[in-house]
Amino acid sequence: MDRQPTNLTPPTRKPVRNCVLPSIACKKNTSLGPVNGLCDMRCLVRSHPLFKQINKEDFEVILTKAKHLDLQTHTSIYREGESCERFFLVIEGAVKLFMLGEDGTERIVGNATKLQAIGEHEVFTTKKTFSHFAETTTPTRLISFSAAIYLKLLEKNNLSALSFLSYLAEKRSNHFSEIEVVTTSNARQRVITYLKSICDKQSTSSINNIVLPIPKYQIASYLGMKPETFSRILSDLKENNLISTNKREIIINDPELFVANNLF
């Protein structure tokens, strides 16, 4: 696998005052280095729900064993059945989560983009093994964390443990909502709901532009439809002048018209 681990701990330097907010840091610069000399990747990690409630000393302990990974497209991160000794936070890029059928076909069960975690649920399972495969779909930057260290810190900090449970509950609730959409909605509604979920995940208040995190055929698999069906629905939206497309980018021509048509 094309991995290049580096130490996450930055070199010693003068403490930075008035560190910019993580959301602003992401928008200004998606690289892991300092943003205009004001902020570094610690802000991005610290902003995630998995780390918000962990005290400063414990957070430093976690960083001592964290690794930064630069991965090329189609690089395996972990495989079904492997021991989940580490979990991951996506900094840039996209990751598909999938299972393999008996005939070897992929069944997409999820995807992760910027500032989303993967593999963290399995840390608390009895078997402590991954239940699916994870593979990059674009050049991707991740930070991996030691599951053993994280668990040990949660055991001694009730607030952090409760925060983690809240995070898992919310993630599980969102997952059930996605299952409900896929199993009870028609194909058009599934596509529209998926597009809306991409809007919600993007760190911008504008819904005019949507960048699909994974290829269209994989989205179709995730939504339980054939690629032709997904393409046909997008074409129908284009014919009605509701959207324009440019590869993975979907441009909403008139957001108010979308609202008026009960699409969003």
C-alpha atoms as a PDB file:
ATOM      1  CA  MET A   1       0.000   0.000   0.000  1.00  0.00           C
ATOM      2  CA  ASP A   2       1.171   3.500  -0.897  1.00  0.00           C
ATOM      3  CA  ARG A   3       1.429   4.986   2.579  1.00  0.00           C
ATOM      4  CA  GLN A   4       3.832   7.570   3.872  1.00  0.00           C
ATOM      5  CA  PRO A   5       3.444   7.856   7.664  1.00  0.00           C
ATOM      6  CA  THR A   6       4.864  10.896   9.360  1.00  0.00           C
ATOM      7  CA  ASN A   7       4.807  12.126  12.925  1.00  0.00           C
ATOM      8  CA  LEU A   8       1.759  14.309  13.533  1.00  0.00           C
ATOM      9  CA  THR A   9       3.429  16.346  16.280  1.00  0.00           C
ATOM     10  CA  PRO A  10       4.693  19.639  14.773  1.00  0.00           C
ATOM     11  CA  PRO A  11       8.108  21.090  15.646  1.00  0.00           C
ATOM     12  CA  THR A  12       8.384  23.223  18.755  1.00  0.00           C
ATOM     13  CA  ARG A  13       7.531  26.860  18.132  1.00  0.00           C
ATOM     14  CA  LYS A  14       6.122  29.889  19.893  1.00  0.00           C
ATOM     15  CA  PRO A  15       2.525  29.403  21.041  1.00  0.00           C
ATOM     16  CA  VAL A  16       0.042  30.871  18.576  1.00  0.00           C
ATOM     17  CA  ARG A  17      -2.585  33.261  19.855  1.00  0.00           C
ATOM     18  CA  ASN A  18      -6.005  33.801  18.322  1.00  0.00           C
ATOM     19  CA  CYS A  19      -5.871  30.555  16.353  1.00  0.00           C
ATOM     20  CA  VAL A  20      -8.406  30.713  13.530  1.00  0.00           C
ATOM     21  CA  LEU A  21     -11.513  28.560  13.761  1.00  0.00           C
ATOM     22  CA  PRO A  22     -11.203  25.083  12.196  1.00  0.00           C
ATOM     23  CA  SER A  23     -14.031  25.747   9.726  1.00  0.00           C
ATOM     24  CA  ILE A  24     -12.272  28.871   8.491  1.00  0.00           C
ATOM     25  CA  ALA A  25      -8.978  27.021   8.318  1.00  0.00           C
ATOM     26  CA  CYS A  26     -10.538  24.377   6.079  1.00  0.00           C
ATOM     27  CA  LYS A  27     -11.904  26.978   3.689  1.00  0.00           C
ATOM     28  CA  LYS A  28      -8.690  28.991   3.469  1.00  0.00           C
ATOM     29  CA  ASN A  29      -6.348  26.100   2.933  1.00  0.00           C
ATOM     30  CA  THR A  30      -6.987  22.381   2.730  1.00  0.00           C
ATOM     31  CA  SER A  31      -3.358  21.473   3.324  1.00  0.00           C
ATOM     32  CA  LEU A  32      -2.248  20.070   6.649  1.00  0.00           C
ATOM     33  CA  GLY A  33       0.309  22.784   7.303  1.00  0.00           C
ATOM     34  CA  PRO A  34      -0.163  26.175   8.953  1.00  0.00           C
ATOM     35  CA  VAL A  35      -2.870  28.413   7.515  1.00  0.00           C
ATOM     36  CA  ASN A  36      -1.388  31.873   6.990  1.00  0.00           C
ATOM     37  CA  GLY A  37       0.906  31.107   9.932  1.00  0.00           C
ATOM     38  CA  LEU A  38      -2.057  31.035  12.302  1.00  0.00           C
ATOM     39  CA  CYS A  39      -3.317  27.496  12.538  1.00  0.00           C
ATOM     40  CA  ASP A  40      -2.151  23.932  11.948  1.00  0.00           C
ATOM     41  CA  MET A  41      -3.748  20.522  11.527  1.00  0.00           C
ATOM     42  CA  ARG A  42      -4.254  20.158  15.275  1.00  0.00           C
ATOM     43  CA  CYS A  43      -7.211  22.514  14.874  1.00  0.00           C
ATOM     44  CA  LEU A  44      -8.814  20.205  12.343  1.00  0.00           C
ATOM     45  CA  VAL A  45      -8.436  17.155  14.577  1.00  0.00           C
ATOM     46  CA  ARG A  46      -9.519  19.042  17.688  1.00  0.00           C
ATOM     47  CA  SER A  47     -12.707  20.239  15.964  1.00  0.00           C
ATOM     48  CA  HIS A  48     -14.012  16.691  15.443  1.00  0.00           C
ATOM     49  CA  PRO A  49     -16.573  15.322  17.961  1.00  0.00           C
ATOM     50  CA  LEU A  50     -14.254  12.402  18.745  1.00  0.00           C
ATOM     51  CA  PHE A  51     -11.719  14.785  20.282  1.00  0.00           C
ATOM     52  CA  LYS A  52     -13.634  17.877  21.438  1.00  0.00           C
ATOM     53  CA  GLN A  53     -14.166  16.693  25.016  1.00  0.00           C
ATOM     54  CA  ILE A  54     -10.735  15.184  25.549  1.00  0.00           C
ATOM     55  CA  ASN A  55      -8.562  17.280  27.837  1.00  0.00           C
ATOM     56  CA  LYS A  56      -5.351  18.893  26.598  1.00  0.00           C
ATOM     57  CA  GLU A  57      -2.971  16.423  28.247  1.00  0.00           C
ATOM     58  CA  ASP A  58      -4.794  13.371  26.913  1.00  0.00           C
ATOM     59  CA  PHE A  59      -5.054  14.939  23.467  1.00  0.00           C
ATOM     60  CA  GLU A  60      -1.268  15.296  23.402  1.00  0.00           C
ATOM     61  CA  VAL A  61      -0.949  11.598  24.308  1.00  0.00           C
ATOM     62  CA  ILE A  62      -3.192  10.667  21.383  1.00  0.00           C
ATOM     63  CA  LEU A  63      -1.087  12.735  18.993  1.00  0.00           C
ATOM     64  CA  THR A  64       2.127  10.968  20.001  1.00  0.00           C
ATOM     65  CA  LYS A  65       0.954   7.794  18.213  1.00  0.00           C
ATOM     66  CA  ALA A  66      -1.036   9.460  15.426  1.00  0.00           C
ATOM     67  CA  LYS A  67       0.146   9.050  11.832  1.00  0.00           C
ATOM     68  CA  HIS A  68      -0.399  11.187   8.765  1.00  0.00           C
ATOM     69  CA  LEU A  69      -1.080   9.193   5.593  1.00  0.00           C
ATOM     70  CA  ASP A  70      -0.952  10.448   1.996  1.00  0.00           C
ATOM     71  CA  LEU A  71      -2.703   7.849  -0.179  1.00  0.00           C
ATOM     72  CA  GLN A  72      -3.219   7.634  -3.923  1.00  0.00           C
ATOM     73  CA  THR A  73      -6.518   6.770  -5.593  1.00  0.00           C
ATOM     74  CA  HIS A  74      -7.665   3.127  -5.211  1.00  0.00           C
ATOM     75  CA  THR A  75      -5.486   2.496  -2.158  1.00  0.00           C
ATOM     76  CA  SER A  76      -6.849   0.069   0.428  1.00  0.00           C
ATOM     77  CA  ILE A  77      -7.053   1.507   3.944  1.00  0.00           C
ATOM     78  CA  TYR A  78      -8.359  -1.623   5.636  1.00  0.00           C
ATOM     79  CA  ARG A  79     -10.077  -4.857   4.690  1.00  0.00           C
ATOM     80  CA  GLU A  80     -12.994  -6.804   6.074  1.00  0.00           C
ATOM     81  CA  GLY A  81     -11.856  -9.121   8.865  1.00  0.00           C
ATOM     82  CA  GLU A  82      -8.669  -7.206   9.676  1.00  0.00           C
ATOM     83  CA  SER A  83      -7.968  -6.260  13.283  1.00  0.00           C
ATOM     84  CA  CYS A  84      -9.008  -2.660  13.954  1.00  0.00           C
ATOM     85  CA  GLU A  85      -5.921  -1.503  15.777  1.00  0.00           C
ATOM     86  CA  ARG A  86      -6.370   2.023  14.396  1.00  0.00           C
ATOM     87  CA  PHE A  87      -9.206   4.281  13.263  1.00  0.00           C
ATOM     88  CA  PHE A  88      -9.011   7.154  10.777  1.00  0.00           C
ATOM     89  CA  LEU A  89     -10.028  10.764  10.185  1.00  0.00           C
ATOM     90  CA  VAL A  90     -10.255  11.997   6.592  1.00  0.00           C
ATOM     91  CA  ILE A  91      -8.581  15.379   6.107  1.00  0.00           C
ATOM     92  CA  GLU A  92      -8.856  15.624   2.324  1.00  0.00           C
ATOM     93  CA  GLY A  93     -10.215  13.382  -0.413  1.00  0.00           C
ATOM     94  CA  ALA A  94     -12.844  10.641  -0.361  1.00  0.00           C
ATOM     95  CA  VAL A  95     -13.151   7.039   0.804  1.00  0.00           C
ATOM     96  CA  LYS A  96     -15.664   4.407  -0.224  1.00  0.00           C
ATOM     97  CA  LEU A  97     -16.865   1.802   2.273  1.00  0.00           C
ATOM     98  CA  PHE A  98     -18.041  -1.443   0.728  1.00  0.00           C
ATOM     99  CA  MET A  99     -18.683  -5.138   1.164  1.00  0.00           C
ATOM    100  CA  LEU A 100     -18.138  -7.934  -1.357  1.00  0.00           C
ATOM    101  CA  GLY A 101     -20.886 -10.252  -2.524  1.00  0.00           C
ATOM    102  CA  GLU A 102     -20.351 -13.955  -3.122  1.00  0.00           C
ATOM    103  CA  ASP A 103     -19.821 -13.209  -6.810  1.00  0.00           C
ATOM    104  CA  GLY A 104     -17.162 -10.619  -5.983  1.00  0.00           C
ATOM    105  CA  THR A 105     -19.281  -7.564  -6.791  1.00  0.00           C
ATOM    106  CA  GLU A 106     -18.942  -4.502  -4.581  1.00  0.00           C
ATOM    107  CA  ARG A 107     -21.865  -3.273  -2.498  1.00  0.00           C
ATOM    108  CA  ILE A 108     -21.309   0.303  -1.374  1.00  0.00           C
ATOM    109  CA  VAL A 109     -22.373   0.795   2.239  1.00  0.00           C
ATOM    110  CA  GLY A 110     -21.119   4.333   2.752  1.00  0.00           C
ATOM    111  CA  ASN A 111     -18.524   6.953   1.960  1.00  0.00           C
ATOM    112  CA  ALA A 112     -16.426   9.413   3.924  1.00  0.00           C
ATOM    113  CA  THR A 113     -15.133  12.843   2.966  1.00  0.00           C
ATOM    114  CA  LYS A 114     -13.390  15.733   4.715  1.00  0.00           C
ATOM    115  CA  LEU A 115     -13.474  15.604   8.534  1.00  0.00           C
ATOM    116  CA  GLN A 116     -15.379  12.319   8.677  1.00  0.00           C
ATOM    117  CA  ALA A 117     -14.106   9.358  10.699  1.00  0.00           C
ATOM    118  CA  ILE A 118     -13.993   5.730   9.561  1.00  0.00           C
ATOM    119  CA  GLY A 119     -13.328   2.521  11.481  1.00  0.00           C
ATOM    120  CA  GLU A 120     -14.088   4.068  14.867  1.00  0.00           C
ATOM    121  CA  HIS A 121     -17.209   1.960  15.514  1.00  0.00           C
ATOM    122  CA  GLU A 122     -15.357  -1.358  15.286  1.00  0.00           C
ATOM    123  CA  VAL A 123     -13.027  -0.294  18.095  1.00  0.00           C
ATOM    124  CA  PHE A 124     -15.833  -1.119  20.547  1.00  0.00           C
ATOM    125  CA  THR A 125     -17.044  -4.370  19.031  1.00  0.00           C
ATOM    126  CA  THR A 126     -16.339  -7.732  20.662  1.00  0.00           C
ATOM    127  CA  LYS A 127     -14.321  -9.075  17.733  1.00  0.00           C
ATOM    128  CA  LYS A 128     -12.571  -5.733  17.118  1.00  0.00           C
ATOM    129  CA  THR A 129     -12.326  -6.452  13.412  1.00  0.00           C
ATOM    130  CA  PHE A 130     -13.475  -4.361  10.462  1.00  0.00           C
ATOM    131  CA  SER A 131     -16.848  -5.368   9.031  1.00  0.00           C
ATOM    132  CA  HIS A 132     -16.234  -3.887   5.570  1.00  0.00           C
ATOM    133  CA  PHE A 133     -13.565  -2.643   3.184  1.00  0.00           C
ATOM    134  CA  ALA A 134     -12.327   0.961   2.930  1.00  0.00           C
ATOM    135  CA  GLU A 135     -10.608   2.285  -0.188  1.00  0.00           C
ATOM    136  CA  THR A 136      -9.736   5.759  -1.462  1.00  0.00           C
ATOM    137  CA  THR A 137     -11.571   7.059  -4.539  1.00  0.00           C
ATOM    138  CA  THR A 138      -9.388  10.166  -4.948  1.00  0.00           C
ATOM    139  CA  PRO A 139      -5.945  11.155  -3.638  1.00  0.00           C
ATOM    140  CA  THR A 140      -6.651  11.253   0.083  1.00  0.00           C
ATOM    141  CA  ARG A 141      -5.031  12.508   3.274  1.00  0.00           C
ATOM    142  CA  LEU A 142      -5.897  10.823   6.542  1.00  0.00           C
ATOM    143  CA  ILE A 143      -4.745  10.788  10.115  1.00  0.00           C
ATOM    144  CA  SER A 144      -4.805   7.427  11.883  1.00  0.00           C
ATOM    145  CA  PHE A 145      -5.100   7.021  15.644  1.00  0.00           C
ATOM    146  CA  SER A 146      -4.278   4.217  18.043  1.00  0.00           C
ATOM    147  CA  ALA A 147      -7.505   2.501  19.130  1.00  0.00           C
ATOM    148  CA  ALA A 148      -5.871   1.144  22.312  1.00  0.00           C
ATOM    149  CA  ILE A 149      -4.743   4.589  23.470  1.00  0.00           C
ATOM    150  CA  TYR A 150      -8.111   6.149  22.693  1.00  0.00           C
ATOM    151  CA  LEU A 151      -9.976   3.434  24.623  1.00  0.00           C
ATOM    152  CA  LYS A 152      -7.670   3.787  27.599  1.00  0.00           C
ATOM    153  CA  LEU A 153      -8.291   7.541  27.768  1.00  0.00           C
ATOM    154  CA  LEU A 154     -12.064   7.076  27.539  1.00  0.00           C
ATOM    155  CA  GLU A 155     -11.952   4.635  30.470  1.00  0.00           C
ATOM    156  CA  LYS A 156     -10.550   7.300  32.780  1.00  0.00           C
ATOM    157  CA  ASN A 157     -12.601  10.258  31.521  1.00  0.00           C
ATOM    158  CA  ASN A 158     -16.379   9.972  31.863  1.00  0.00           C
ATOM    159  CA  LEU A 159     -17.058  13.199  29.968  1.00  0.00           C
ATOM    160  CA  SER A 160     -15.081  11.991  26.965  1.00  0.00           C
ATOM    161  CA  ALA A 161     -16.818   8.598  27.104  1.00  0.00           C
ATOM    162  CA  LEU A 162     -20.264  10.220  27.174  1.00  0.00           C
ATOM    163  CA  SER A 163     -19.294  12.493  24.304  1.00  0.00           C
ATOM    164  CA  PHE A 164     -18.219   9.475  22.271  1.00  0.00           C
ATOM    165  CA  LEU A 165     -21.514   7.697  22.991  1.00  0.00           C
ATOM    166  CA  SER A 166     -23.409  10.792  21.839  1.00  0.00           C
ATOM    167  CA  TYR A 167     -21.344  10.855  18.653  1.00  0.00           C
ATOM    168  CA  LEU A 168     -22.060   7.169  17.942  1.00  0.00           C
ATOM    169  CA  ALA A 169     -25.785   7.617  18.659  1.00  0.00           C
ATOM    170  CA  GLU A 170     -26.046  10.503  16.209  1.00  0.00           C
ATOM    171  CA  LYS A 171     -24.089   8.618  13.557  1.00  0.00           C
ATOM    172  CA  ARG A 172     -26.306   5.557  14.032  1.00  0.00           C
ATOM    173  CA  SER A 173     -29.444   7.685  13.787  1.00  0.00           C
ATOM    174  CA  ASN A 174     -28.225   9.208  10.518  1.00  0.00           C
ATOM    175  CA  HIS A 175     -27.450   5.722   9.217  1.00  0.00           C
ATOM    176  CA  PHE A 176     -30.985   4.517   9.980  1.00  0.00           C
ATOM    177  CA  SER A 177     -32.376   7.585   8.211  1.00  0.00           C
ATOM    178  CA  GLU A 178     -30.343   6.678   5.144  1.00  0.00           C
ATOM    179  CA  ILE A 179     -31.618   3.093   5.269  1.00  0.00           C
ATOM    180  CA  GLU A 180     -35.198   4.354   5.484  1.00  0.00           C
ATOM    181  CA  VAL A 181     -34.722   6.534   2.424  1.00  0.00           C
ATOM    182  CA  VAL A 182     -33.216   3.680   0.400  1.00  0.00           C
ATOM    183  CA  THR A 183     -35.891   1.144   1.394  1.00  0.00           C
ATOM    184  CA  THR A 184     -39.049   3.304   1.296  1.00  0.00           C
ATOM    185  CA  SER A 185     -38.443   6.047  -1.289  1.00  0.00           C
ATOM    186  CA  ASN A 186     -38.627   5.856  -5.051  1.00  0.00           C
ATOM    187  CA  ALA A 187     -35.480   6.269  -7.122  1.00  0.00           C
ATOM    188  CA  ARG A 188     -35.982   9.988  -7.790  1.00  0.00           C
ATOM    189  CA  GLN A 189     -36.505  10.744  -4.106  1.00  0.00           C
ATOM    190  CA  ARG A 190     -33.389   8.749  -3.203  1.00  0.00           C
ATOM    191  CA  VAL A 191     -31.238  10.779  -5.595  1.00  0.00           C
ATOM    192  CA  ILE A 192     -32.667  14.088  -4.364  1.00  0.00           C
ATOM    193  CA  THR A 193     -32.197  13.140  -0.708  1.00  0.00           C
ATOM    194  CA  TYR A 194     -28.621  12.100  -1.416  1.00  0.00           C
ATOM    195  CA  LEU A 195     -27.868  15.413  -3.129  1.00  0.00           C
ATOM    196  CA  LYS A 196     -29.290  17.248  -0.140  1.00  0.00           C
ATOM    197  CA  SER A 197     -27.103  15.226   2.228  1.00  0.00           C
ATOM    198  CA  ILE A 198     -24.038  16.284   0.220  1.00  0.00           C
ATOM    199  CA  CYS A 199     -25.123  19.911   0.602  1.00  0.00           C
ATOM    200  CA  ASP A 200     -25.453  19.455   4.362  1.00  0.00           C
ATOM    201  CA  LYS A 201     -21.960  17.986   4.623  1.00  0.00           C
ATOM    202  CA  GLN A 202     -20.266  20.702   2.597  1.00  0.00           C
ATOM    203  CA  SER A 203     -18.650  23.457   4.668  1.00  0.00           C
ATOM    204  CA  THR A 204     -20.525  26.218   2.879  1.00  0.00           C
ATOM    205  CA  SER A 205     -23.898  27.898   3.219  1.00  0.00           C
ATOM    206  CA  SER A 206     -24.421  27.821  -0.545  1.00  0.00           C
ATOM    207  CA  ILE A 207     -26.220  24.920  -2.172  1.00  0.00           C
ATOM    208  CA  ASN A 208     -25.475  26.037  -5.732  1.00  0.00           C
ATOM    209  CA  ASN A 209     -22.589  23.620  -6.207  1.00  0.00           C
ATOM    210  CA  ILE A 210     -22.367  19.970  -5.185  1.00  0.00           C
ATOM    211  CA  VAL A 211     -19.233  17.902  -5.656  1.00  0.00           C
ATOM    212  CA  LEU A 212     -19.993  14.188  -5.716  1.00  0.00           C
ATOM    213  CA  PRO A 213     -17.526  12.452  -3.343  1.00  0.00           C
ATOM    214  CA  ILE A 214     -17.419   9.159  -5.255  1.00  0.00           C
ATOM    215  CA  PRO A 215     -18.063   8.082  -8.878  1.00  0.00           C
ATOM    216  CA  LYS A 216     -21.668   8.019 -10.059  1.00  0.00           C
ATOM    217  CA  TYR A 217     -21.807   4.241 -10.440  1.00  0.00           C
ATOM    218  CA  GLN A 218     -20.789   3.852  -6.794  1.00  0.00           C
ATOM    219  CA  ILE A 219     -23.463   6.320  -5.691  1.00  0.00           C
ATOM    220  CA  ALA A 220     -25.993   4.306  -7.673  1.00  0.00           C
ATOM    221  CA  SER A 221     -24.897   1.144  -5.854  1.00  0.00           C
ATOM    222  CA  TYR A 222     -25.167   2.918  -2.502  1.00  0.00           C
ATOM    223  CA  LEU A 223     -28.694   4.117  -3.364  1.00  0.00           C
ATOM    224  CA  GLY A 224     -29.770   0.644  -4.483  1.00  0.00           C
ATOM    225  CA  MET A 225     -30.282   1.380  -8.167  1.00  0.00           C
ATOM    226  CA  LYS A 226     -28.609   0.763 -11.492  1.00  0.00           C
ATOM    227  CA  PRO A 227     -26.112   3.336 -12.811  1.00  0.00           C
ATOM    228  CA  GLU A 228     -28.404   3.948 -15.795  1.00  0.00           C
ATOM    229  CA  THR A 229     -31.247   4.875 -13.440  1.00  0.00           C
ATOM    230  CA  PHE A 230     -29.091   7.355 -11.553  1.00  0.00           C
ATOM    231  CA  SER A 231     -27.903   8.934 -14.812  1.00  0.00           C
ATOM    232  CA  ARG A 232     -31.463   9.071 -16.160  1.00  0.00           C
ATOM    233  CA  ILE A 233     -32.692  10.959 -13.082  1.00  0.00           C
ATOM    234  CA  LEU A 234     -29.853  13.479 -13.358  1.00  0.00           C
ATOM    235  CA  SER A 235     -30.669  13.896 -17.056  1.00  0.00           C
ATOM    236  CA  ASP A 236     -34.306  14.526 -16.195  1.00  0.00           C
ATOM    237  CA  LEU A 237     -33.297  17.253 -13.727  1.00  0.00           C
ATOM    238  CA  LYS A 238     -31.068  18.765 -16.417  1.00  0.00           C
ATOM    239  CA  GLU A 239     -33.840  18.714 -19.014  1.00  0.00           C
ATOM    240  CA  ASN A 240     -36.039  20.633 -16.577  1.00  0.00           C
ATOM    241  CA  ASN A 241     -33.212  23.187 -16.226  1.00  0.00           C
ATOM    242  CA  LEU A 242     -32.914  22.505 -12.513  1.00  0.00           C
ATOM    243  CA  ILE A 243     -29.272  21.447 -12.619  1.00  0.00           C
ATOM    244  CA  SER A 244     -26.176  21.487 -14.794  1.00  0.00           C
ATOM    245  CA  THR A 245     -23.399  18.934 -14.553  1.00  0.00           C
ATOM    246  CA  ASN A 246     -19.649  18.948 -15.112  1.00  0.00           C
ATOM    247  CA  LYS A 247     -18.153  15.545 -14.337  1.00  0.00           C
ATOM    248  CA  ARG A 248     -18.594  15.137 -10.538  1.00  0.00           C
ATOM    249  CA  GLU A 249     -19.800  18.698 -10.057  1.00  0.00           C
ATOM    250  CA  ILE A 250     -23.527  19.374  -9.990  1.00  0.00           C
ATOM    251  CA  ILE A 251     -24.600  23.004 -10.308  1.00  0.00           C
ATOM    252  CA  ILE A 252     -28.036  23.904  -9.040  1.00  0.00           C
ATOM    253  CA  ASN A 253     -29.265  26.548 -11.464  1.00  0.00           C
ATOM    254  CA  ASP A 254     -32.025  27.919  -9.264  1.00  0.00           C
ATOM    255  CA  PRO A 255     -32.091  26.860  -5.586  1.00  0.00           C
ATOM    256  CA  GLU A 256     -35.410  28.668  -5.050  1.00  0.00           C
ATOM    257  CA  LEU A 257     -36.940  26.657  -7.875  1.00  0.00           C
ATOM    258  CA  PHE A 258     -35.669  23.493  -6.187  1.00  0.00           C
ATOM    259  CA  VAL A 259     -37.423  24.532  -2.995  1.00  0.00           C
ATOM    260  CA  ALA A 260     -40.575  25.402  -4.914  1.00  0.00           C
ATOM    261  CA  ASN A 261     -40.545  21.945  -6.473  1.00  0.00           C
ATOM    262  CA  ASN A 262     -40.135  20.346  -3.017  1.00  0.00           C
ATOM    263  CA  LEU A 263     -36.764  18.964  -4.052  1.00  0.00           C
ATOM    264  CA  PHE A 264     -34.892  20.508  -1.141  1.00  0.00           C
END
